[in-house]
Protein backbone atom coordinates (compact mmCIF):
# COMPACT_ATOMS: atom_id res chain seq x y z
CA MET A 1 -4.31 -50.92 -49.02
CA ILE A 2 -2.98 -47.41 -48.30
CA LYS A 3 -1.15 -48.67 -45.20
CA LEU A 4 0.66 -51.33 -47.22
CA LYS A 5 1.67 -48.73 -49.80
CA ILE A 6 3.18 -46.52 -47.10
CA PHE A 7 5.21 -49.40 -45.65
CA LYS A 8 6.39 -50.45 -49.12
CA GLU A 9 7.52 -46.89 -49.86
CA LEU A 10 9.42 -46.71 -46.57
CA TYR A 11 11.01 -50.10 -47.25
CA ASP A 12 12.02 -48.82 -50.72
CA ASP A 13 13.54 -45.75 -49.05
CA ALA A 14 15.58 -47.99 -46.73
CA LYS A 15 16.70 -50.26 -49.60
CA ASN A 16 17.75 -47.16 -51.56
CA ILE A 17 19.90 -46.00 -48.64
CA MET A 18 21.51 -49.46 -48.58
CA LYS A 19 22.19 -49.19 -52.31
CA LYS A 20 23.69 -45.68 -52.17
CA ASP A 21 25.61 -45.78 -48.87
CA PRO A 22 28.51 -48.25 -48.74
CA ALA A 23 28.62 -47.85 -44.93
CA ALA A 24 25.10 -49.31 -44.55
CA ARG A 25 25.55 -52.99 -43.75
CA ASN A 26 21.96 -54.15 -43.47
CA ILE A 27 18.37 -52.94 -43.57
CA PHE A 28 17.97 -53.21 -39.79
CA GLU A 29 20.87 -50.78 -39.34
CA VAL A 30 19.20 -48.30 -41.70
CA PHE A 31 15.88 -48.52 -39.81
CA ILE A 32 17.53 -47.96 -36.43
CA LEU A 33 20.55 -45.73 -37.04
CA TYR A 34 19.98 -43.50 -40.08
CA PRO A 35 18.54 -40.02 -39.38
CA GLY A 36 17.96 -39.58 -43.13
CA PHE A 37 15.52 -42.48 -42.93
CA HIS A 38 13.99 -41.29 -39.65
CA ILE A 39 13.15 -37.86 -41.07
CA LEU A 40 11.31 -39.54 -43.94
CA LEU A 41 9.13 -41.31 -41.38
CA PHE A 42 8.40 -38.00 -39.64
CA HIS A 43 7.83 -36.17 -42.93
CA ARG A 44 5.48 -38.72 -44.46
CA LEU A 45 3.29 -38.56 -41.35
CA ALA A 46 3.48 -34.75 -41.14
CA HIS A 47 2.73 -34.38 -44.86
CA PHE A 48 -0.33 -36.63 -44.53
CA LEU A 49 -1.62 -34.46 -41.68
CA TYR A 50 -0.81 -31.27 -43.62
CA LYS A 51 -2.80 -32.47 -46.64
CA HIS A 52 -5.74 -33.18 -44.32
CA LYS A 53 -5.61 -29.61 -42.92
CA LEU A 54 -4.33 -30.68 -39.48
CA LEU A 55 -1.69 -27.95 -39.73
CA PHE A 56 -0.70 -27.58 -36.08
CA LEU A 57 -0.27 -31.31 -35.62
CA ALA A 58 1.66 -31.52 -38.89
CA ARG A 59 4.06 -28.78 -37.74
CA LEU A 60 4.44 -30.45 -34.34
CA ILE A 61 5.46 -33.75 -35.96
CA SER A 62 7.79 -31.84 -38.27
CA GLN A 63 9.47 -30.06 -35.36
CA LEU A 64 9.89 -33.33 -33.47
CA GLY A 65 11.61 -34.73 -36.54
CA ARG A 66 13.88 -31.69 -36.66
CA PHE A 67 14.70 -32.07 -32.96
CA PHE A 68 15.66 -35.73 -33.33
CA THR A 69 17.50 -35.55 -36.66
CA GLY A 70 18.76 -32.00 -37.26
CA ILE A 71 16.93 -32.08 -40.61
CA GLU A 72 14.11 -29.59 -41.16
CA ILE A 73 11.45 -30.46 -43.73
CA HIS A 74 8.28 -28.40 -43.76
CA PRO A 75 5.22 -30.68 -43.80
CA GLY A 76 3.98 -28.95 -46.95
CA ALA A 77 7.04 -29.99 -48.98
CA THR A 78 6.39 -32.71 -51.55
CA ILE A 79 9.00 -35.47 -51.59
CA GLY A 80 9.19 -38.22 -54.19
CA ARG A 81 10.20 -41.82 -53.66
CA ARG A 82 13.60 -43.11 -52.59
CA LEU A 83 15.09 -39.84 -51.31
CA PHE A 84 18.55 -40.40 -49.85
CA ILE A 85 19.61 -37.85 -47.25
CA ASP A 86 23.25 -38.49 -46.37
CA HIS A 87 24.83 -36.83 -43.33
CA GLY A 88 21.64 -34.79 -43.06
CA MET A 89 22.51 -32.32 -40.32
CA GLY A 90 21.56 -28.81 -41.33
CA ILE A 91 19.28 -29.63 -44.27
CA VAL A 92 16.31 -27.27 -44.68
CA ILE A 93 13.49 -27.95 -47.17
CA GLY A 94 10.80 -25.28 -47.48
CA GLU A 95 7.03 -25.54 -47.58
CA THR A 96 6.48 -25.29 -51.33
CA ALA A 97 9.57 -27.25 -52.40
CA THR A 98 9.13 -30.38 -54.50
CA ILE A 99 11.69 -33.15 -54.79
CA GLY A 100 11.47 -35.81 -57.48
CA ASN A 101 12.20 -39.52 -57.24
CA ASP A 102 15.63 -41.05 -56.60
CA CYS A 103 17.30 -37.84 -55.41
CA THR A 104 20.22 -37.44 -53.02
CA ILE A 105 20.73 -34.50 -50.66
CA TYR A 106 23.90 -34.00 -48.62
CA HIS A 107 24.39 -32.14 -45.35
CA ASN A 108 24.01 -28.41 -44.78
CA SER A 109 21.87 -27.86 -47.88
CA THR A 110 18.87 -25.60 -48.27
CA LEU A 111 15.94 -25.76 -50.67
CA GLY A 112 14.60 -22.33 -49.85
CA GLY A 113 13.22 -19.07 -51.11
CA THR A 114 14.21 -15.45 -51.08
CA GLY A 115 11.43 -14.50 -48.67
CA LYS A 116 9.79 -12.16 -51.17
CA ASP A 117 7.31 -14.49 -52.88
CA ILE A 118 3.82 -15.19 -51.62
CA ASN A 119 2.67 -18.44 -53.29
CA LYS A 120 5.29 -20.80 -54.75
CA ARG A 121 8.38 -19.79 -52.79
CA HIS A 122 10.71 -22.79 -52.96
CA PRO A 123 12.48 -24.65 -55.77
CA ASP A 124 11.44 -27.77 -57.65
CA ILE A 125 14.04 -30.53 -57.92
CA GLY A 126 13.51 -33.11 -60.66
CA ASP A 127 14.14 -36.86 -60.63
CA ASN A 128 17.66 -38.27 -60.15
CA VAL A 129 19.15 -35.00 -58.86
CA MET A 130 22.01 -34.73 -56.39
CA VAL A 131 22.18 -31.65 -54.16
CA GLY A 132 25.75 -31.37 -52.93
CA ALA A 133 26.93 -30.56 -49.43
CA GLY A 134 26.42 -26.91 -48.54
CA ALA A 135 24.27 -26.15 -51.59
CA LYS A 136 21.74 -23.35 -51.35
CA VAL A 137 19.03 -23.82 -53.99
CA LEU A 138 16.74 -20.80 -53.89
CA ARG A 139 13.67 -20.00 -55.94
CA SER A 140 13.92 -16.38 -56.95
CA ASN A 141 10.95 -14.06 -57.16
CA LYS A 142 11.49 -13.97 -60.93
CA SER A 143 10.75 -17.69 -61.28
CA ARG A 144 7.81 -18.78 -63.38
CA LYS A 145 4.44 -18.43 -61.73
């Protein structure tokens, strides 16, 4: 049952890319050619391992994803359904970041922290949010605890 849910979520991610990107001609093209889709595959596996305390393996999968796509998502980050990463090169999403459902993130964007917090260090992005190209969304050390 869990396996089917994972495949359905990935299929929904691919359909969402088709819906939001006029250059995507078919679902096969999204599966094969879109790094924004590929990083979701890597992240969902890395996040599963992270939640099961297989931290080294989770980070290894995460770094492989970064190597292949140019998109860095820490395995601890929580990502909702149907995230669309367009032109993803240079995106960084930190360990304690959360991203809601149906969001879009464009290239060279960071969901980061100031480096001064200990626990919750990265921002929360709600549902239906677009993070524009080059945006730097930082959680300050004065954020709610």
